[in-house]
PDB file of N, CA and C in Angstrom:
ATOM      1  N   MET A   1      12.319 -23.692  10.980  1.00  0.00           N
ATOM      2  CA  MET A   1      11.330 -22.638  10.807  1.00  0.00           C
ATOM      3  C   MET A   1      10.123 -23.112  10.001  1.00  0.00           C
ATOM      4  N   GLY A   2      10.169 -24.316   9.493  1.00  0.00           N
ATOM      5  CA  GLY A   2       9.007 -24.863   8.793  1.00  0.00           C
ATOM      6  C   GLY A   2       8.700 -24.151   7.488  1.00  0.00           C
ATOM      7  N   ASN A   3       7.443 -23.782   7.283  1.00  0.00           N
ATOM      8  CA  ASN A   3       7.012 -23.187   6.024  1.00  0.00           C
ATOM      9  C   ASN A   3       7.152 -21.673   5.983  1.00  0.00           C
ATOM     10  N   ALA A   4       7.419 -21.069   7.118  1.00  0.00           N
ATOM     11  CA  ALA A   4       7.623 -19.622   7.144  1.00  0.00           C
ATOM     12  C   ALA A   4       9.026 -19.318   6.618  1.00  0.00           C
ATOM     13  N   VAL A   5       9.150 -18.214   5.917  1.00  0.00           N
ATOM     14  CA  VAL A   5      10.409 -17.786   5.329  1.00  0.00           C
ATOM     15  C   VAL A   5      11.142 -16.908   6.340  1.00  0.00           C
ATOM     16  N   GLU A   6      12.444 -17.092   6.471  1.00  0.00           N
ATOM     17  CA  GLU A   6      13.211 -16.188   7.337  1.00  0.00           C
ATOM     18  C   GLU A   6      13.417 -14.889   6.580  1.00  0.00           C
ATOM     19  N   ILE A   7      12.977 -13.810   7.192  1.00  0.00           N
ATOM     20  CA  ILE A   7      13.106 -12.503   6.565  1.00  0.00           C
ATOM     21  C   ILE A   7      14.183 -11.723   7.299  1.00  0.00           C
ATOM     22  N   THR A   8      15.082 -11.128   6.521  1.00  0.00           N
ATOM     23  CA  THR A   8      16.222 -10.402   7.073  1.00  0.00           C
ATOM     24  C   THR A   8      16.179  -8.953   6.578  1.00  0.00           C
ATOM     25  N   ASP A   9      17.057  -8.147   7.114  1.00  0.00           N
ATOM     26  CA  ASP A   9      17.167  -6.771   6.622  1.00  0.00           C
ATOM     27  C   ASP A   9      17.500  -6.769   5.126  1.00  0.00           C
ATOM     28  N   ASP A  10      18.290  -7.763   4.698  1.00  0.00           N
ATOM     29  CA  ASP A  10      18.751  -7.806   3.307  1.00  0.00           C
ATOM     30  C   ASP A  10      17.700  -8.304   2.320  1.00  0.00           C
ATOM     31  N   ASN A  11      16.841  -9.250   2.734  1.00  0.00           N
ATOM     32  CA  ASN A  11      15.885  -9.805   1.772  1.00  0.00           C
ATOM     33  C   ASN A  11      14.468  -9.261   1.946  1.00  0.00           C
ATOM     34  N   PHE A  12      14.281  -8.300   2.841  1.00  0.00           N
ATOM     35  CA  PHE A  12      12.942  -7.793   3.146  1.00  0.00           C
ATOM     36  C   PHE A  12      12.224  -7.253   1.904  1.00  0.00           C
ATOM     37  N   LYS A  13      12.910  -6.423   1.131  1.00  0.00           N
ATOM     38  CA  LYS A  13      12.282  -5.830  -0.054  1.00  0.00           C
ATOM     39  C   LYS A  13      11.833  -6.924  -1.018  1.00  0.00           C
ATOM     40  N   GLU A  14      12.738  -7.847  -1.314  1.00  0.00           N
ATOM     41  CA  GLU A  14      12.435  -8.926  -2.261  1.00  0.00           C
ATOM     42  C   GLU A  14      11.311  -9.833  -1.748  1.00  0.00           C
ATOM     43  N   GLN A  15      11.417 -10.264  -0.477  1.00  0.00           N
ATOM     44  CA  GLN A  15      10.468 -11.236   0.075  1.00  0.00           C
ATOM     45  C   GLN A  15       9.104 -10.630   0.410  1.00  0.00           C
ATOM     46  N   VAL A  16       9.094  -9.364   0.834  1.00  0.00           N
ATOM     47  CA  VAL A  16       7.859  -8.768   1.343  1.00  0.00           C
ATOM     48  C   VAL A  16       7.315  -7.689   0.412  1.00  0.00           C
ATOM     49  N   LEU A  17       8.088  -6.650   0.196  1.00  0.00           N
ATOM     50  CA  LEU A  17       7.578  -5.503  -0.556  1.00  0.00           C
ATOM     51  C   LEU A  17       7.307  -5.836  -2.015  1.00  0.00           C
ATOM     52  N   ASP A  18       8.126  -6.719  -2.600  1.00  0.00           N
ATOM     53  CA  ASP A  18       7.964  -7.067  -4.017  1.00  0.00           C
ATOM     54  C   ASP A  18       7.114  -8.320  -4.235  1.00  0.00           C
ATOM     55  N   SER A  19       6.556  -8.882  -3.176  1.00  0.00           N
ATOM     56  CA  SER A  19       5.768 -10.116  -3.295  1.00  0.00           C
ATOM     57  C   SER A  19       4.470  -9.854  -4.055  1.00  0.00           C
ATOM     58  N   ASP A  20       4.102 -10.809  -4.907  1.00  0.00           N
ATOM     59  CA  ASP A  20       2.851 -10.654  -5.663  1.00  0.00           C
ATOM     60  C   ASP A  20       1.640 -11.192  -4.903  1.00  0.00           C
ATOM     61  N   ILE A  21       1.860 -11.765  -3.734  1.00  0.00           N
ATOM     62  CA  ILE A  21       0.751 -12.171  -2.862  1.00  0.00           C
ATOM     63  C   ILE A  21       0.962 -11.515  -1.493  1.00  0.00           C
ATOM     64  N   PRO A  22      -0.104 -11.385  -0.696  1.00  0.00           N
ATOM     65  CA  PRO A  22       0.058 -10.789   0.642  1.00  0.00           C
ATOM     66  C   PRO A  22       1.085 -11.566   1.482  1.00  0.00           C
ATOM     67  N   VAL A  23       1.776 -10.835   2.347  1.00  0.00           N
ATOM     68  CA  VAL A  23       2.801 -11.439   3.206  1.00  0.00           C
ATOM     69  C   VAL A  23       2.501 -11.094   4.657  1.00  0.00           C
ATOM     70  N   LEU A  24       2.386 -12.125   5.490  1.00  0.00           N
ATOM     71  CA  LEU A  24       2.226 -11.951   6.926  1.00  0.00           C
ATOM     72  C   LEU A  24       3.613 -12.051   7.549  1.00  0.00           C
ATOM     73  N   VAL A  25       4.066 -10.970   8.181  1.00  0.00           N
ATOM     74  CA  VAL A  25       5.397 -10.951   8.778  1.00  0.00           C
ATOM     75  C   VAL A  25       5.256 -10.973  10.296  1.00  0.00           C
ATOM     76  N   ASP A  26       5.860 -11.993  10.900  1.00  0.00           N
ATOM     77  CA  ASP A  26       5.844 -12.187  12.345  1.00  0.00           C
ATOM     78  C   ASP A  26       7.154 -11.641  12.914  1.00  0.00           C
ATOM     79  N   PHE A  27       7.062 -10.529  13.655  1.00  0.00           N
ATOM     80  CA  PHE A  27       8.224  -9.971  14.345  1.00  0.00           C
ATOM     81  C   PHE A  27       8.296 -10.627  15.714  1.00  0.00           C
ATOM     82  N   TRP A  28       9.405 -11.322  15.999  1.00  0.00           N
ATOM     83  CA  TRP A  28       9.496 -12.141  17.203  1.00  0.00           C
ATOM     84  C   TRP A  28      10.921 -12.115  17.760  1.00  0.00           C
ATOM     85  N   ALA A  29      11.090 -12.739  18.918  1.00  0.00           N
ATOM     86  CA  ALA A  29      12.423 -12.949  19.504  1.00  0.00           C
ATOM     87  C   ALA A  29      12.399 -14.249  20.301  1.00  0.00           C
ATOM     88  N   ILE A  30      13.553 -14.864  20.405  1.00  0.00           N
ATOM     89  CA  ILE A  30      13.682 -16.168  21.062  1.00  0.00           C
ATOM     90  C   ILE A  30      13.248 -16.116  22.528  1.00  0.00           C
ATOM     91  N   TRP A  31      13.434 -14.976  23.194  1.00  0.00           N
ATOM     92  CA  TRP A  31      13.140 -14.837  24.627  1.00  0.00           C
ATOM     93  C   TRP A  31      11.689 -14.457  24.904  1.00  0.00           C
ATOM     94  N   CYS A  32      10.894 -14.293  23.866  1.00  0.00           N
ATOM     95  CA  CYS A  32       9.526 -13.789  24.007  1.00  0.00           C
ATOM     96  C   CYS A  32       8.528 -14.941  24.180  1.00  0.00           C
ATOM     97  N   GLY A  33       7.939 -15.044  25.373  1.00  0.00           N
ATOM     98  CA  GLY A  33       6.973 -16.110  25.655  1.00  0.00           C
ATOM     99  C   GLY A  33       5.765 -16.113  24.739  1.00  0.00           C
ATOM    100  N   PRO A  34       5.060 -14.972  24.604  1.00  0.00           N
ATOM    101  CA  PRO A  34       3.892 -14.937  23.714  1.00  0.00           C
ATOM    102  C   PRO A  34       4.244 -15.264  22.256  1.00  0.00           C
ATOM    103  N   CYS A  35       5.479 -14.947  21.845  1.00  0.00           N
ATOM    104  CA  CYS A  35       5.918 -15.284  20.482  1.00  0.00           C
ATOM    105  C   CYS A  35       5.913 -16.802  20.285  1.00  0.00           C
ATOM    106  N   LYS A  36       6.360 -17.503  21.331  1.00  0.00           N
ATOM    107  CA  LYS A  36       6.388 -18.968  21.265  1.00  0.00           C
ATOM    108  C   LYS A  36       4.969 -19.532  21.211  1.00  0.00           C
ATOM    109  N   MET A  37       4.029 -18.831  21.864  1.00  0.00           N
ATOM    110  CA  MET A  37       2.634 -19.293  21.859  1.00  0.00           C
ATOM    111  C   MET A  37       2.018 -19.198  20.467  1.00  0.00           C
ATOM    112  N   ILE A  38       2.337 -18.128  19.721  1.00  0.00           N
ATOM    113  CA  ILE A  38       1.695 -17.980  18.409  1.00  0.00           C
ATOM    114  C   ILE A  38       2.484 -18.624  17.273  1.00  0.00           C
ATOM    115  N   ALA A  39       3.741 -19.001  17.519  1.00  0.00           N
ATOM    116  CA  ALA A  39       4.569 -19.587  16.462  1.00  0.00           C
ATOM    117  C   ALA A  39       3.894 -20.769  15.749  1.00  0.00           C
ATOM    118  N   PRO A  40       3.308 -21.726  16.484  1.00  0.00           N
ATOM    119  CA  PRO A  40       2.662 -22.855  15.790  1.00  0.00           C
ATOM    120  C   PRO A  40       1.467 -22.408  14.940  1.00  0.00           C
ATOM    121  N   ILE A  41       0.753 -21.392  15.397  1.00  0.00           N
ATOM    122  CA  ILE A  41      -0.399 -20.879  14.652  1.00  0.00           C
ATOM    123  C   ILE A  41       0.075 -20.233  13.351  1.00  0.00           C
ATOM    124  N   VAL A  42       1.151 -19.464  13.451  1.00  0.00           N
ATOM    125  CA  VAL A  42       1.718 -18.807  12.275  1.00  0.00           C
ATOM    126  C   VAL A  42       2.166 -19.864  11.260  1.00  0.00           C
ATOM    127  N   GLU A  43       2.778 -20.944  11.747  1.00  0.00           N
ATOM    128  CA  GLU A  43       3.205 -22.036  10.861  1.00  0.00           C
ATOM    129  C   GLU A  43       2.003 -22.708  10.189  1.00  0.00           C
ATOM    130  N   GLU A  44       0.929 -22.930  10.960  1.00  0.00           N
ATOM    131  CA  GLU A  44      -0.277 -23.543  10.394  1.00  0.00           C
ATOM    132  C   GLU A  44      -0.840 -22.673   9.273  1.00  0.00           C
ATOM    133  N   LEU A  45      -0.856 -21.359   9.493  1.00  0.00           N
ATOM    134  CA  LEU A  45      -1.350 -20.452   8.464  1.00  0.00           C
ATOM    135  C   LEU A  45      -0.478 -20.526   7.208  1.00  0.00           C
ATOM    136  N   ALA A  46       0.837 -20.666   7.397  1.00  0.00           N
ATOM    137  CA  ALA A  46       1.758 -20.779   6.259  1.00  0.00           C
ATOM    138  C   ALA A  46       1.387 -21.977   5.389  1.00  0.00           C
ATOM    139  N   VAL A  47       0.987 -23.075   6.028  1.00  0.00           N
ATOM    140  CA  VAL A  47       0.608 -24.285   5.296  1.00  0.00           C
ATOM    141  C   VAL A  47      -0.793 -24.138   4.689  1.00  0.00           C
ATOM    142  N   GLU A  48      -1.747 -23.725   5.521  1.00  0.00           N
ATOM    143  CA  GLU A  48      -3.152 -23.684   5.093  1.00  0.00           C
ATOM    144  C   GLU A  48      -3.412 -22.636   4.017  1.00  0.00           C
ATOM    145  N   LYS A  49      -2.684 -21.530   4.062  1.00  0.00           N
ATOM    146  CA  LYS A  49      -2.923 -20.435   3.110  1.00  0.00           C
ATOM    147  C   LYS A  49      -1.872 -20.407   2.004  1.00  0.00           C
ATOM    148  N   SER A  50      -1.109 -21.494   1.871  1.00  0.00           N
ATOM    149  CA  SER A  50      -0.056 -21.569   0.864  1.00  0.00           C
ATOM    150  C   SER A  50      -0.615 -21.219  -0.518  1.00  0.00           C
ATOM    151  N   GLY A  51       0.085 -20.348  -1.223  1.00  0.00           N
ATOM    152  CA  GLY A  51      -0.380 -19.907  -2.535  1.00  0.00           C
ATOM    153  C   GLY A  51      -1.188 -18.618  -2.475  1.00  0.00           C
ATOM    154  N   LEU A  52      -1.861 -18.390  -1.341  1.00  0.00           N
ATOM    155  CA  LEU A  52      -2.646 -17.166  -1.141  1.00  0.00           C
ATOM    156  C   LEU A  52      -1.900 -16.164  -0.278  1.00  0.00           C
ATOM    157  N   LEU A  53      -1.034 -16.707   0.588  1.00  0.00           N
ATOM    158  CA  LEU A  53      -0.366 -15.896   1.596  1.00  0.00           C
ATOM    159  C   LEU A  53       1.044 -16.427   1.805  1.00  0.00           C
ATOM    160  N   LYS A  54       2.002 -15.523   1.834  1.00  0.00           N
ATOM    161  CA  LYS A  54       3.365 -15.900   2.211  1.00  0.00           C
ATOM    162  C   LYS A  54       3.515 -15.523   3.678  1.00  0.00           C
ATOM    163  N   VAL A  55       4.198 -16.357   4.444  1.00  0.00           N
ATOM    164  CA  VAL A  55       4.420 -16.075   5.859  1.00  0.00           C
ATOM    165  C   VAL A  55       5.920 -15.988   6.106  1.00  0.00           C
ATOM    166  N   GLY A  56       6.325 -14.915   6.768  1.00  0.00           N
ATOM    167  CA  GLY A  56       7.732 -14.734   7.076  1.00  0.00           C
ATOM    168  C   GLY A  56       7.928 -14.354   8.526  1.00  0.00           C
ATOM    169  N   LYS A  57       9.144 -14.582   9.010  1.00  0.00           N
ATOM    170  CA  LYS A  57       9.459 -14.278  10.406  1.00  0.00           C
ATOM    171  C   LYS A  57      10.712 -13.418  10.455  1.00  0.00           C
ATOM    172  N   VAL A  58      10.644 -12.349  11.271  1.00  0.00           N
ATOM    173  CA  VAL A  58      11.794 -11.467  11.473  1.00  0.00           C
ATOM    174  C   VAL A  58      12.201 -11.554  12.937  1.00  0.00           C
ATOM    175  N   ASP A  59      13.412 -12.011  13.186  1.00  0.00           N
ATOM    176  CA  ASP A  59      13.967 -12.037  14.538  1.00  0.00           C
ATOM    177  C   ASP A  59      14.436 -10.607  14.851  1.00  0.00           C
ATOM    178  N   VAL A  60      13.715  -9.934  15.754  1.00  0.00           N
ATOM    179  CA  VAL A  60      13.989  -8.515  16.017  1.00  0.00           C
ATOM    180  C   VAL A  60      15.359  -8.276  16.649  1.00  0.00           C
ATOM    181  N   ASP A  61      15.933  -9.295  17.277  1.00  0.00           N
ATOM    182  CA  ASP A  61      17.275  -9.139  17.848  1.00  0.00           C
ATOM    183  C   ASP A  61      18.346  -9.168  16.755  1.00  0.00           C
ATOM    184  N   SER A  62      18.107  -9.950  15.712  1.00  0.00           N
ATOM    185  CA  SER A  62      19.081 -10.081  14.630  1.00  0.00           C
ATOM    186  C   SER A  62      18.896  -9.031  13.543  1.00  0.00           C
ATOM    187  N   TYR A  63      17.653  -8.618  13.311  1.00  0.00           N
ATOM    188  CA  TYR A  63      17.365  -7.717  12.192  1.00  0.00           C
ATOM    189  C   TYR A  63      16.630  -6.478  12.684  1.00  0.00           C
ATOM    190  N   LYS A  64      17.409  -5.581  13.260  1.00  0.00           N
ATOM    191  CA  LYS A  64      16.842  -4.386  13.892  1.00  0.00           C
ATOM    192  C   LYS A  64      16.408  -3.316  12.893  1.00  0.00           C
ATOM    193  N   VAL A  65      16.985  -3.311  11.684  1.00  0.00           N
ATOM    194  CA  VAL A  65      16.667  -2.267  10.706  1.00  0.00           C
ATOM    195  C   VAL A  65      15.190  -2.333  10.311  1.00  0.00           C
ATOM    196  N   VAL A  66      14.744  -3.507   9.885  1.00  0.00           N
ATOM    197  CA  VAL A  66      13.347  -3.659   9.467  1.00  0.00           C
ATOM    198  C   VAL A  66      12.405  -3.396  10.638  1.00  0.00           C
ATOM    199  N   ALA A  67      12.722  -3.956  11.800  1.00  0.00           N
ATOM    200  CA  ALA A  67      11.881  -3.744  12.982  1.00  0.00           C
ATOM    201  C   ALA A  67      11.784  -2.253  13.292  1.00  0.00           C
ATOM    202  N   GLY A  68      12.893  -1.541  13.163  1.00  0.00           N
ATOM    203  CA  GLY A  68      12.914  -0.109  13.418  1.00  0.00           C
ATOM    204  C   GLY A  68      12.110   0.676  12.389  1.00  0.00           C
ATOM    205  N   GLN A  69      12.222   0.278  11.126  1.00  0.00           N
ATOM    206  CA  GLN A  69      11.501   0.966  10.048  1.00  0.00           C
ATOM    207  C   GLN A  69       9.993   0.932  10.274  1.00  0.00           C
ATOM    208  N   TYR A  70       9.520  -0.172  10.831  1.00  0.00           N
ATOM    209  CA  TYR A  70       8.077  -0.336  11.020  1.00  0.00           C
ATOM    210  C   TYR A  70       7.641  -0.052  12.461  1.00  0.00           C
ATOM    211  N   GLY A  71       8.553   0.516  13.250  1.00  0.00           N
ATOM    212  CA  GLY A  71       8.199   0.968  14.594  1.00  0.00           C
ATOM    213  C   GLY A  71       7.750  -0.147  15.518  1.00  0.00           C
ATOM    214  N   ILE A  72       8.364  -1.312  15.377  1.00  0.00           N
ATOM    215  CA  ILE A  72       7.989  -2.448  16.226  1.00  0.00           C
ATOM    216  C   ILE A  72       8.467  -2.172  17.649  1.00  0.00           C
ATOM    217  N   ARG A  73       7.529  -1.983  18.565  1.00  0.00           N
ATOM    218  CA  ARG A  73       7.852  -1.664  19.956  1.00  0.00           C
ATOM    219  C   ARG A  73       7.628  -2.856  20.881  1.00  0.00           C
ATOM    220  N   SER A  74       6.615  -3.646  20.576  1.00  0.00           N
ATOM    221  CA  SER A  74       6.346  -4.817  21.411  1.00  0.00           C
ATOM    222  C   SER A  74       6.165  -6.016  20.501  1.00  0.00           C
ATOM    223  N   ILE A  75       6.518  -7.159  21.023  1.00  0.00           N
ATOM    224  CA  ILE A  75       6.385  -8.380  20.230  1.00  0.00           C
ATOM    225  C   ILE A  75       5.586  -9.394  21.026  1.00  0.00           C
ATOM    226  N   PRO A  76       4.892 -10.307  20.385  1.00  0.00           N
ATOM    227  CA  PRO A  76       4.851 -10.431  18.927  1.00  0.00           C
ATOM    228  C   PRO A  76       4.015  -9.318  18.279  1.00  0.00           C
ATOM    229  N   THR A  77       4.498  -8.867  17.133  1.00  0.00           N
ATOM    230  CA  THR A  77       3.717  -8.003  16.257  1.00  0.00           C
ATOM    231  C   THR A  77       3.688  -8.672  14.896  1.00  0.00           C
ATOM    232  N   LEU A  78       2.501  -8.783  14.337  1.00  0.00           N
ATOM    233  CA  LEU A  78       2.339  -9.326  12.997  1.00  0.00           C
ATOM    234  C   LEU A  78       1.893  -8.193  12.090  1.00  0.00           C
ATOM    235  N   LEU A  79       2.585  -8.021  10.979  1.00  0.00           N
ATOM    236  CA  LEU A  79       2.175  -7.037   9.984  1.00  0.00           C
ATOM    237  C   LEU A  79       1.784  -7.784   8.719  1.00  0.00           C
ATOM    238  N   LEU A  80       0.655  -7.408   8.158  1.00  0.00           N
ATOM    239  CA  LEU A  80       0.220  -7.993   6.892  1.00  0.00           C
ATOM    240  C   LEU A  80       0.468  -6.968   5.799  1.00  0.00           C
ATOM    241  N   PHE A  81       1.304  -7.352   4.840  1.00  0.00           N
ATOM    242  CA  PHE A  81       1.644  -6.484   3.718  1.00  0.00           C
ATOM    243  C   PHE A  81       0.890  -6.933   2.482  1.00  0.00           C
ATOM    244  N   LYS A  82       0.366  -5.977   1.749  1.00  0.00           N
ATOM    245  CA  LYS A  82      -0.264  -6.266   0.464  1.00  0.00           C
ATOM    246  C   LYS A  82       0.187  -5.181  -0.498  1.00  0.00           C
ATOM    247  N   ASN A  83       0.736  -5.593  -1.628  1.00  0.00           N
ATOM    248  CA  ASN A  83       1.288  -4.647  -2.613  1.00  0.00           C
ATOM    249  C   ASN A  83       2.288  -3.688  -1.962  1.00  0.00           C
ATOM    250  N   GLY A  84       3.100  -4.203  -1.044  1.00  0.00           N
ATOM    251  CA  GLY A  84       4.156  -3.415  -0.430  1.00  0.00           C
ATOM    252  C   GLY A  84       3.709  -2.492   0.688  1.00  0.00           C
ATOM    253  N   GLN A  85       2.421  -2.519   1.024  1.00  0.00           N
ATOM    254  CA  GLN A  85       1.883  -1.639   2.065  1.00  0.00           C
ATOM    255  C   GLN A  85       1.376  -2.462   3.250  1.00  0.00           C
ATOM    256  N   VAL A  86       1.494  -1.899   4.457  1.00  0.00           N
ATOM    257  CA  VAL A  86       0.926  -2.561   5.638  1.00  0.00           C
ATOM    258  C   VAL A  86      -0.588  -2.348   5.609  1.00  0.00           C
ATOM    259  N   VAL A  87      -1.344  -3.452   5.565  1.00  0.00           N
ATOM    260  CA  VAL A  87      -2.805  -3.352   5.545  1.00  0.00           C
ATOM    261  C   VAL A  87      -3.432  -3.812   6.855  1.00  0.00           C
ATOM    262  N   GLU A  88      -2.633  -4.449   7.706  1.00  0.00           N
ATOM    263  CA  GLU A  88      -3.148  -4.917   9.000  1.00  0.00           C
ATOM    264  C   GLU A  88      -1.984  -5.026   9.963  1.00  0.00           C
ATOM    265  N   GLN A  89      -2.223  -4.605  11.218  1.00  0.00           N
ATOM    266  CA  GLN A  89      -1.214  -4.744  12.266  1.00  0.00           C
ATOM    267  C   GLN A  89      -1.861  -5.449  13.443  1.00  0.00           C
ATOM    268  N   ILE A  90      -1.213  -6.506  13.903  1.00  0.00           N
ATOM    269  CA  ILE A  90      -1.739  -7.309  14.998  1.00  0.00           C
ATOM    270  C   ILE A  90      -0.660  -7.370  16.075  1.00  0.00           C
ATOM    271  N   VAL A  91      -0.965  -6.850  17.262  1.00  0.00           N
ATOM    272  CA  VAL A  91       0.010  -6.853  18.345  1.00  0.00           C
ATOM    273  C   VAL A  91      -0.470  -7.801  19.432  1.00  0.00           C
ATOM    274  N   GLY A  92       0.442  -8.657  19.885  1.00  0.00           N
ATOM    275  CA  GLY A  92       0.093  -9.599  20.946  1.00  0.00           C
ATOM    276  C   GLY A  92      -0.292 -10.952  20.386  1.00  0.00           C
ATOM    277  N   ALA A  93      -0.456 -11.891  21.296  1.00  0.00           N
ATOM    278  CA  ALA A  93      -0.778 -13.269  20.907  1.00  0.00           C
ATOM    279  C   ALA A  93      -2.293 -13.424  20.784  1.00  0.00           C
ATOM    280  N   LEU A  94      -2.763 -13.588  19.576  1.00  0.00           N
ATOM    281  CA  LEU A  94      -4.189 -13.817  19.335  1.00  0.00           C
ATOM    282  C   LEU A  94      -4.421 -15.293  19.077  1.00  0.00           C
ATOM    283  N   SER A  95      -5.677 -15.704  19.159  1.00  0.00           N
ATOM    284  CA  SER A  95      -6.022 -17.081  18.812  1.00  0.00           C
ATOM    285  C   SER A  95      -5.983 -17.221  17.293  1.00  0.00           C
ATOM    286  N   LYS A  96      -5.973 -18.447  16.826  1.00  0.00           N
ATOM    287  CA  LYS A  96      -5.937 -18.693  15.386  1.00  0.00           C
ATOM    288  C   LYS A  96      -7.160 -18.080  14.707  1.00  0.00           C
ATOM    289  N   SER A  97      -8.330 -18.252  15.304  1.00  0.00           N
ATOM    290  CA  SER A  97      -9.549 -17.726  14.674  1.00  0.00           C
ATOM    291  C   SER A  97      -9.509 -16.200  14.589  1.00  0.00           C
ATOM    292  N   GLN A  98      -8.954 -15.539  15.613  1.00  0.00           N
ATOM    293  CA  GLN A  98      -8.832 -14.077  15.585  1.00  0.00           C
ATOM    294  C   GLN A  98      -7.867 -13.631  14.488  1.00  0.00           C
ATOM    295  N   LEU A  99      -6.766 -14.367  14.340  1.00  0.00           N
ATOM    296  CA  LEU A  99      -5.796 -14.046  13.293  1.00  0.00           C
ATOM    297  C   LEU A  99      -6.418 -14.200  11.910  1.00  0.00           C
ATOM    298  N   VAL A 100      -7.084 -15.330  11.701  1.00  0.00           N
ATOM    299  CA  VAL A 100      -7.704 -15.606  10.407  1.00  0.00           C
ATOM    300  C   VAL A 100      -8.725 -14.518  10.067  1.00  0.00           C
ATOM    301  N   GLU A 101      -9.478 -14.093  11.069  1.00  0.00           N
ATOM    302  CA  GLU A 101     -10.496 -13.049  10.897  1.00  0.00           C
ATOM    303  C   GLU A 101      -9.878 -11.744  10.382  1.00  0.00           C
ATOM    304  N   LYS A 102      -8.664 -11.433  10.849  1.00  0.00           N
ATOM    305  CA  LYS A 102      -7.995 -10.193  10.438  1.00  0.00           C
ATOM    306  C   LYS A 102      -7.314 -10.333   9.068  1.00  0.00           C
ATOM    307  N   ILE A 103      -6.885 -11.544   8.735  1.00  0.00           N
ATOM    308  CA  ILE A 103      -6.130 -11.763   7.499  1.00  0.00           C
ATOM    309  C   ILE A 103      -7.036 -12.023   6.295  1.00  0.00           C
ATOM    310  N   GLU A 104      -8.079 -12.832   6.491  1.00  0.00           N
ATOM    311  CA  GLU A 104      -8.965 -13.262   5.394  1.00  0.00           C
ATOM    312  C   GLU A 104      -9.408 -12.149   4.443  1.00  0.00           C
ATOM    313  N   PRO A 105      -9.869 -10.988   4.960  1.00  0.00           N
ATOM    314  CA  PRO A 105     -10.384  -9.950   4.057  1.00  0.00           C
ATOM    315  C   PRO A 105      -9.338  -9.460   3.035  1.00  0.00           C
ATOM    316  N   HIS A 106      -8.059  -9.697   3.310  1.00  0.00           N
ATOM    317  CA  HIS A 106      -6.987  -9.186   2.446  1.00  0.00           C
ATOM    318  C   HIS A 106      -6.500 -10.214   1.438  1.00  0.00           C
ATOM    319  N   LEU A 107      -7.010 -11.428   1.503  1.00  0.00           N
ATOM    320  CA  LEU A 107      -6.525 -12.477   0.598  1.00  0.00           C
ATOM    321  C   LEU A 107      -7.336 -12.525  -0.678  1.00  0.00           C
TER     322      LEU A 107
END
């Protein structure tokens, strides 16, 4: 999984809601083609924004509670959390520049 943190139903509060820096959470599944397309971009952001942004991944097949809580209907969905609140929602596979454009204002 590289630099992204695996986020589970059990560690979601600690890793995301209680984080002192913004957290980009990638809701994905192994069978999802567009998820595979954005995975390398999400990893690059984890490296490039290290210290400013935490990046985590939730496998929606394994961790249905968190996905359900946030109403994840289609994947990939990226949620950006800041101070425990969703400040940005990105659905679908965007380019790296489009992702950065949506995330930057919150860092």
